[in-house]
């Protein structure tokens, strides 16, 4: 119960939520990611209800099949779908609406194909008061609840990293969870903490973690049995960031309120003495990232404009078609396939669509 309440409150207050996607696709001649998108604002079907869409997590199989989710005060807004024409509420007909005596909600979504989509959250019961993990799966036709050993299933959501079909990691408050071939496994990190990012390269599994109310950030690595601290810095102004952890064969990238930080990697093994700040921004910063390849990386957050890395440099991208931003936006949910990209401003309920 306490974990789900904490996650919901923190999400609504906008602390952090990230959605790291699949491992980077890297080749010798990987072309630079696009920067020439034409930006428009997507249509959103609110079904006549007064609300805004606040997507903090996105995943799609194509630009005409995109899912978005977020912990929200109104459960009807926690799951949305884009069909190529408009964003629509998608909770109807899912286990979220099952009148089983509890209140279910999802905050994260991820998948591998149109018929293999996962959503992660929790269910709250009032008599007696308790909360339990809530996971559901979409087979291309219907969403069904995923049952299992609840002691080893994620209760809440901060980040997901997909290794391959039926193998992924989910980060929550205080714990991370591995799902592999139908089996869930829980790894406890520590009490009163947030695990905003998790990433995998080969046998290397990393996560970032910080204690609530403490200005310290920790980098952990999995040793096959447990996670151990390998580096430490300041959360507010450190040498690496808490959010959007990206690990490749030769490089690691993290994102923070102050900028973008990188280090050298050797076959995915982070050389933690090599941290540098590649890009500094004012104390607005980045809270989410997305990548299709080493040469197509996006950084978004409270900074007015998203930044894009094309393999050569980071560049500010104008998604407002020359109109100045209001200064009161928070870019959070993001997904793209290299040809189209979606970015949600959760403060204003706007989804910017690059084609």
Protein backbone atom coordinates (compact mmCIF):
# COMPACT_ATOMS: atom_id res chain seq x y z
CA UNK A 1 0.00 0.00 0.00
CA UNK A 2 2.68 2.46 1.02
CA UNK A 3 4.71 1.85 -2.13
CA UNK A 4 1.79 2.40 -4.49
CA UNK A 5 0.72 5.55 -2.66
CA UNK A 6 4.29 6.85 -2.71
CA UNK A 7 4.66 6.17 -6.42
CA UNK A 8 1.35 7.85 -7.23
CA UNK A 9 2.14 10.93 -5.15
CA UNK A 10 5.64 11.29 -6.55
CA UNK A 11 4.41 10.84 -10.10
CA UNK A 12 1.75 13.49 -9.65
CA UNK A 13 4.24 15.86 -8.09
CA UNK A 14 6.68 15.10 -10.93
CA UNK A 15 9.81 13.75 -9.39
CA UNK A 16 11.07 11.30 -11.97
CA UNK A 17 9.93 8.60 -14.26
CA UNK A 18 11.91 7.18 -17.12
CA UNK A 19 11.34 4.71 -19.80
CA UNK A 20 14.51 3.25 -21.23
CA UNK A 21 13.78 1.19 -24.29
CA UNK A 22 15.43 -1.79 -25.95
CA UNK A 23 19.23 -2.15 -26.26
CA UNK A 24 20.74 0.21 -28.82
CA UNK A 25 20.94 -1.07 -32.35
CA UNK A 26 24.51 -0.32 -33.37
CA UNK A 27 26.28 -1.04 -36.63
CA UNK A 28 29.48 0.09 -38.27
CA UNK A 29 27.56 2.38 -40.62
CA UNK A 30 24.65 3.39 -38.42
CA UNK A 31 23.18 6.53 -40.03
CA UNK A 32 22.55 9.64 -37.93
CA UNK A 33 19.06 10.01 -36.52
CA UNK A 34 16.66 12.44 -38.17
CA UNK A 35 16.47 16.10 -37.20
CA UNK A 36 14.26 17.27 -40.05
CA UNK A 37 10.90 16.28 -38.57
CA UNK A 38 7.83 18.37 -39.35
CA UNK A 39 6.08 18.88 -36.00
CA UNK A 40 2.34 18.93 -35.36
CA UNK A 41 0.13 18.47 -32.29
CA UNK A 42 -1.87 15.22 -32.16
CA UNK A 43 -5.62 15.08 -31.79
CA UNK A 44 -6.78 13.67 -28.43
CA UNK A 45 -10.23 12.16 -27.83
CA UNK A 46 -11.18 13.07 -24.27
CA UNK A 47 -14.66 11.53 -24.64
CA UNK A 48 -16.23 14.76 -23.43
CA UNK A 49 -14.51 14.57 -20.04
CA UNK A 50 -12.53 17.54 -18.63
CA UNK A 51 -8.95 16.35 -18.32
CA UNK A 52 -5.55 16.41 -19.97
CA UNK A 53 -3.43 13.51 -21.16
CA UNK A 54 -0.25 13.02 -19.09
CA UNK A 55 1.84 10.29 -20.64
CA UNK A 56 5.04 9.55 -18.75
CA UNK A 57 5.65 6.22 -20.48
CA UNK A 58 5.23 5.35 -24.17
CA UNK A 59 5.86 2.37 -26.39
CA UNK A 60 4.71 1.50 -29.91
CA UNK A 61 5.01 -1.23 -32.50
CA UNK A 62 4.57 1.41 -35.22
CA UNK A 63 3.48 5.04 -35.57
CA UNK A 64 -0.12 3.80 -35.94
CA UNK A 65 0.01 1.62 -32.81
CA UNK A 66 1.39 3.56 -29.85
CA UNK A 67 0.53 3.01 -26.18
CA UNK A 68 0.97 5.55 -23.39
CA UNK A 69 0.46 5.33 -19.64
CA UNK A 70 0.93 7.22 -16.41
CA UNK A 71 -0.07 7.04 -12.76
CA UNK A 72 -2.96 9.51 -12.62
CA UNK A 73 -5.56 10.63 -10.09
CA UNK A 74 -8.29 9.54 -12.53
CA UNK A 75 -7.80 5.87 -13.36
CA UNK A 76 -9.57 6.42 -16.71
CA UNK A 77 -6.52 8.39 -17.83
CA UNK A 78 -3.80 5.87 -16.96
CA UNK A 79 -3.79 4.06 -20.34
CA UNK A 80 -4.09 5.63 -23.83
CA UNK A 81 -3.66 4.39 -27.39
CA UNK A 82 -2.84 6.14 -30.68
CA UNK A 83 -4.17 4.53 -33.88
CA UNK A 84 -2.61 6.89 -36.40
CA UNK A 85 -5.47 9.37 -36.14
CA UNK A 86 -6.09 10.28 -32.50
CA UNK A 87 -5.14 9.38 -28.95
CA UNK A 88 -8.00 7.64 -27.14
CA UNK A 89 -8.57 6.33 -23.63
CA UNK A 90 -7.83 2.61 -23.57
CA UNK A 91 -8.79 1.41 -20.08
CA UNK A 92 -12.27 0.14 -21.07
CA UNK A 93 -12.36 -3.61 -21.49
CA UNK A 94 -9.06 -4.12 -19.64
CA UNK A 95 -8.54 -5.69 -16.20
CA UNK A 96 -8.18 -2.11 -14.90
CA UNK A 97 -11.98 -1.86 -15.02
CA UNK A 98 -12.60 -5.29 -13.48
CA UNK A 99 -14.88 -4.70 -10.44
CA UNK A 100 -13.04 -7.13 -8.17
CA UNK A 101 -13.08 -4.89 -5.13
CA UNK A 102 -9.73 -3.23 -5.79
CA UNK A 103 -8.62 -0.17 -7.73
CA UNK A 104 -6.02 -0.96 -10.37
CA UNK A 105 -3.79 1.50 -12.19
CA UNK A 106 -0.80 1.27 -14.56
CA UNK A 107 2.10 3.68 -14.82
CA UNK A 108 4.40 2.07 -17.37
CA UNK A 109 4.06 0.34 -20.71
CA UNK A 110 6.50 -1.58 -22.92
CA UNK A 111 6.44 -4.30 -25.55
CA UNK A 112 8.17 -6.13 -28.35
CA UNK A 113 5.39 -6.34 -30.96
CA UNK A 114 1.78 -5.35 -31.64
CA UNK A 115 0.70 -8.61 -30.00
CA UNK A 116 3.15 -8.47 -27.08
CA UNK A 117 2.61 -5.39 -24.90
CA UNK A 118 3.01 -5.18 -21.12
CA UNK A 119 1.69 -2.63 -18.61
CA UNK A 120 2.87 -2.33 -15.00
CA UNK A 121 1.24 -0.81 -11.92
CA UNK A 122 -0.59 -1.85 -8.77
CA UNK A 123 -3.97 -2.64 -7.23
CA UNK A 124 -5.19 -1.03 -4.02
CA UNK A 125 -7.69 -2.73 -1.72
CA UNK A 126 -9.46 -1.00 1.15
CA UNK A 127 -10.82 -3.87 3.26
CA UNK A 128 -8.35 -4.73 4.60
CA UNK A 129 -6.14 -1.90 3.38
CA UNK A 130 -3.34 -3.28 1.21
CA UNK A 131 -1.84 -3.10 -2.25
CA UNK A 132 -0.67 -5.85 -4.56
CA UNK A 133 1.24 -5.96 -7.85
CA UNK A 134 -0.79 -5.43 -11.01
CA UNK A 135 0.60 -6.44 -14.40
CA UNK A 136 -1.33 -6.96 -17.60
CA UNK A 137 -0.47 -8.20 -21.09
CA UNK A 138 -1.91 -7.41 -24.52
CA UNK A 139 -1.93 -10.17 -27.14
CA UNK A 140 -3.02 -7.92 -30.00
CA UNK A 141 -6.70 -8.37 -29.23
CA UNK A 142 -7.35 -8.19 -25.47
CA UNK A 143 -5.59 -7.19 -22.26
CA UNK A 144 -5.43 -9.87 -19.57
CA UNK A 145 -4.07 -9.70 -16.05
CA UNK A 146 -0.78 -11.53 -15.48
CA UNK A 147 -0.78 -13.60 -12.31
CA UNK A 148 2.19 -15.09 -10.50
CA UNK A 149 4.15 -15.01 -7.28
CA UNK A 150 3.16 -11.54 -6.03
CA UNK A 151 6.17 -11.47 -3.67
CA UNK A 152 8.37 -11.37 -6.76
CA UNK A 153 6.26 -9.14 -9.03
CA UNK A 154 6.61 -5.35 -9.37
CA UNK A 155 4.26 -3.25 -7.29
CA UNK A 156 4.46 0.13 -8.99
CA UNK A 157 6.75 1.34 -11.76
CA UNK A 158 9.66 3.67 -12.50
CA UNK A 159 11.48 2.16 -15.47
CA UNK A 160 11.56 -0.89 -17.71
CA UNK A 161 14.37 -2.31 -19.82
CA UNK A 162 13.54 -4.98 -22.36
CA UNK A 163 16.27 -7.47 -23.22
CA UNK A 164 14.15 -9.55 -25.60
CA UNK A 165 10.71 -11.12 -25.78
CA UNK A 166 9.77 -12.63 -22.38
CA UNK A 167 12.88 -11.16 -20.75
CA UNK A 168 12.84 -7.70 -19.16
CA UNK A 169 13.68 -5.78 -15.99
CA UNK A 170 11.29 -3.45 -14.14
CA UNK A 171 12.43 -0.85 -11.60
CA UNK A 172 10.19 0.28 -8.77
CA UNK A 173 10.68 2.00 -5.44
CA UNK A 174 13.21 0.01 -3.38
CA UNK A 175 13.26 -3.06 -5.68
CA UNK A 176 13.94 -4.22 -9.21
CA UNK A 177 12.33 -7.24 -10.83
CA UNK A 178 13.43 -9.59 -13.57
CA UNK A 179 10.92 -11.43 -15.73
CA UNK A 180 12.35 -14.25 -17.80
CA UNK A 181 10.39 -16.97 -19.57
CA UNK A 182 7.42 -16.72 -17.23
CA UNK A 183 9.37 -16.47 -13.96
CA UNK A 184 9.51 -13.31 -11.80
CA UNK A 185 12.45 -12.59 -9.49
CA UNK A 186 12.66 -9.70 -7.00
CA UNK A 187 15.93 -7.98 -6.00
CA UNK A 188 15.68 -5.70 -2.98
CA UNK A 189 17.93 -2.61 -3.16
CA UNK A 190 17.16 -0.64 0.03
CA UNK A 191 14.38 1.00 2.01
CA UNK A 192 13.06 4.51 1.36
CA UNK A 193 14.68 4.81 -2.03
CA UNK A 194 13.80 5.43 -5.67
CA UNK A 195 15.27 3.48 -8.59
CA UNK A 196 14.60 5.76 -11.58
CA UNK A 197 16.67 3.93 -14.23
CA UNK A 198 17.81 0.46 -15.16
CA UNK A 199 19.80 -0.64 -18.23
CA UNK A 200 21.35 -3.82 -19.62
CA UNK A 201 24.15 -4.50 -22.07
CA UNK A 202 25.10 -8.15 -22.50
CA UNK A 203 25.65 -9.58 -19.02
CA UNK A 204 25.98 -6.10 -17.52
CA UNK A 205 22.93 -4.87 -15.61
CA UNK A 206 23.03 -1.39 -14.02
CA UNK A 207 20.66 0.80 -12.07
CA UNK A 208 20.69 4.23 -10.45
CA UNK A 209 19.26 4.74 -6.96
CA UNK A 210 18.84 7.54 -4.45
CA UNK A 211 17.42 7.85 -0.95
CA UNK A 212 14.39 10.13 -0.64
CA UNK A 213 15.46 13.45 0.88
CA UNK A 214 19.21 12.72 0.60
CA UNK A 215 21.50 14.46 -1.92
CA UNK A 216 23.34 11.30 -2.95
CA UNK A 217 23.05 9.21 -6.09
CA UNK A 218 24.36 5.65 -6.44
CA UNK A 219 25.22 3.50 -9.43
CA UNK A 220 24.74 -0.24 -8.92
CA UNK A 221 25.85 -3.25 -10.95
CA UNK A 222 24.41 -6.77 -10.87
CA UNK A 223 26.89 -9.52 -9.97
CA UNK A 224 24.60 -12.37 -10.96
CA UNK A 225 23.06 -12.65 -7.51
CA UNK A 226 22.75 -9.14 -6.05
CA UNK A 227 23.31 -5.51 -6.95
CA UNK A 228 26.40 -3.76 -5.56
CA UNK A 229 27.34 -0.07 -5.50
CA UNK A 230 30.13 0.76 -7.96
CA UNK A 231 29.97 4.57 -7.95
CA UNK A 232 28.48 7.49 -6.03
CA UNK A 233 27.87 11.19 -6.68
CA UNK A 234 25.59 14.11 -5.81
CA UNK A 235 21.98 13.84 -6.95
CA UNK A 236 21.58 17.59 -7.47
CA UNK A 237 24.88 18.35 -9.20
CA UNK A 238 26.86 15.19 -9.75
CA UNK A 239 29.23 13.66 -12.27
CA UNK A 240 26.46 11.38 -13.55
CA UNK A 241 22.68 11.63 -13.55
CA UNK A 242 19.81 9.55 -12.23
CA UNK A 243 17.65 9.43 -15.33
CA UNK A 244 17.53 7.65 -18.66
CA UNK A 245 20.53 5.37 -18.19
CA UNK A 246 21.80 4.23 -21.61
CA UNK A 247 24.63 1.68 -21.91
CA UNK A 248 26.28 0.63 -25.16
CA UNK A 249 29.38 -1.38 -25.97
CA UNK A 250 31.67 1.66 -25.77
CA UNK A 251 29.69 4.34 -23.94
CA UNK A 252 27.24 5.10 -21.13
CA UNK A 253 24.93 8.15 -21.06
CA UNK A 254 22.97 9.55 -18.13
CA UNK A 255 20.74 12.60 -17.78
CA UNK A 256 20.20 15.03 -14.90
CA UNK A 257 18.75 18.42 -13.94
CA UNK A 258 22.07 19.96 -14.97
CA UNK A 259 22.88 18.22 -18.21
CA UNK A 260 24.06 15.09 -19.99
CA UNK A 261 26.91 12.99 -18.62
CA UNK A 262 28.86 10.23 -20.35
CA UNK A 263 31.57 7.71 -19.54
CA UNK A 264 33.60 5.14 -21.43
CA UNK A 265 32.48 1.52 -21.49
CA UNK A 266 34.44 -1.56 -22.49
CA UNK A 267 32.10 -4.22 -23.86
CA UNK A 268 29.35 -2.64 -21.77
CA UNK A 269 31.43 -2.48 -18.60
CA UNK A 270 31.32 1.12 -17.32
CA UNK A 271 34.69 2.72 -16.59
CA UNK A 272 33.36 4.91 -13.78
CA UNK A 273 36.53 7.02 -13.50
CA UNK A 274 35.90 8.49 -16.98
CA UNK A 275 32.74 10.55 -16.39
CA UNK A 276 32.49 13.85 -18.30
CA UNK A 277 29.65 16.33 -18.74
CA UNK A 278 28.94 16.56 -22.48
CA UNK A 279 26.20 19.16 -22.21
CA UNK A 280 25.29 21.59 -19.43
CA UNK A 281 21.87 23.23 -19.14
CA UNK A 282 20.31 25.55 -16.54
CA UNK A 283 18.66 24.00 -13.50
CA UNK A 284 15.72 22.75 -15.53
CA UNK A 285 17.25 19.65 -16.91
CA UNK A 286 16.37 16.28 -18.37
CA UNK A 287 14.17 13.62 -16.82
CA UNK A 288 13.69 11.15 -19.63
CA UNK A 289 15.47 9.87 -22.70
CA UNK A 290 14.87 7.70 -25.73
CA UNK A 291 17.14 6.06 -28.27
CA UNK A 292 16.88 4.05 -31.45
CA UNK A 293 20.63 3.75 -31.92
CA UNK A 294 23.94 5.24 -30.80
CA UNK A 295 23.35 7.99 -33.35
CA UNK A 296 19.70 8.70 -32.54
CA UNK A 297 19.32 9.70 -28.87
CA UNK A 298 16.79 12.13 -27.37
CA UNK A 299 16.86 13.96 -24.03
CA UNK A 300 13.72 15.67 -22.69
CA UNK A 301 12.43 17.15 -19.45
CA UNK A 302 11.88 20.57 -17.91
CA UNK A 303 14.27 22.14 -20.39
CA UNK A 304 12.07 24.03 -22.86
CA UNK A 305 13.42 22.20 -25.90
CA UNK A 306 14.37 18.55 -26.38
CA UNK A 307 17.96 17.80 -27.35
CA UNK A 308 19.01 15.27 -29.96
CA UNK A 309 22.32 13.44 -30.47
CA UNK A 310 23.03 12.29 -34.03
CA UNK A 311 26.37 10.60 -33.37
CA UNK A 312 28.32 13.85 -33.71
CA UNK A 313 26.77 16.46 -31.43
CA UNK A 314 23.82 17.40 -29.24
CA UNK A 315 21.43 19.92 -30.76
CA UNK A 316 18.37 21.73 -29.42
CA UNK A 317 15.30 20.77 -31.50
CA UNK A 318 12.46 23.21 -32.14
CA UNK A 319 9.22 21.25 -31.80
CA UNK A 320 7.14 24.45 -31.62
CA UNK A 321 7.50 25.48 -35.29
CA UNK A 322 9.25 28.73 -34.46
CA UNK A 323 6.83 29.76 -31.70
CA UNK A 324 8.55 30.44 -28.37
CA UNK A 325 7.74 27.91 -25.64
CA UNK A 326 5.75 29.18 -22.67
CA UNK A 327 8.36 28.15 -20.13
CA UNK A 328 5.71 26.13 -18.34
CA UNK A 329 6.06 22.75 -19.95
CA UNK A 330 7.38 19.37 -18.92
CA UNK A 331 8.30 16.99 -21.73
CA UNK A 332 8.20 13.42 -20.44
CA UNK A 333 6.67 10.53 -22.38
CA UNK A 334 8.59 9.80 -25.60
CA UNK A 335 8.69 7.10 -28.26
CA UNK A 336 9.72 6.89 -31.91
CA UNK A 337 10.84 4.46 -34.59
CA UNK A 338 13.35 6.67 -36.38
CA UNK A 339 10.75 7.79 -38.92
CA UNK A 340 8.18 9.34 -36.58
CA UNK A 341 8.40 10.41 -32.94
CA UNK A 342 5.96 11.38 -30.17
CA UNK A 343 6.71 13.63 -27.17
CA UNK A 344 4.16 14.40 -24.44
CA UNK A 345 4.11 17.69 -22.54
CA UNK A 346 2.40 16.47 -19.37
CA UNK A 347 1.91 19.94 -17.90
CA UNK A 348 -0.22 21.04 -20.85
CA UNK A 349 -1.58 17.73 -22.09
CA UNK A 350 -0.06 18.17 -25.55
CA UNK A 351 1.52 15.45 -27.65
CA UNK A 352 4.01 16.75 -30.21
CA UNK A 353 4.29 14.48 -33.23
CA UNK A 354 7.28 14.60 -35.56
CA UNK A 355 6.91 13.11 -39.04
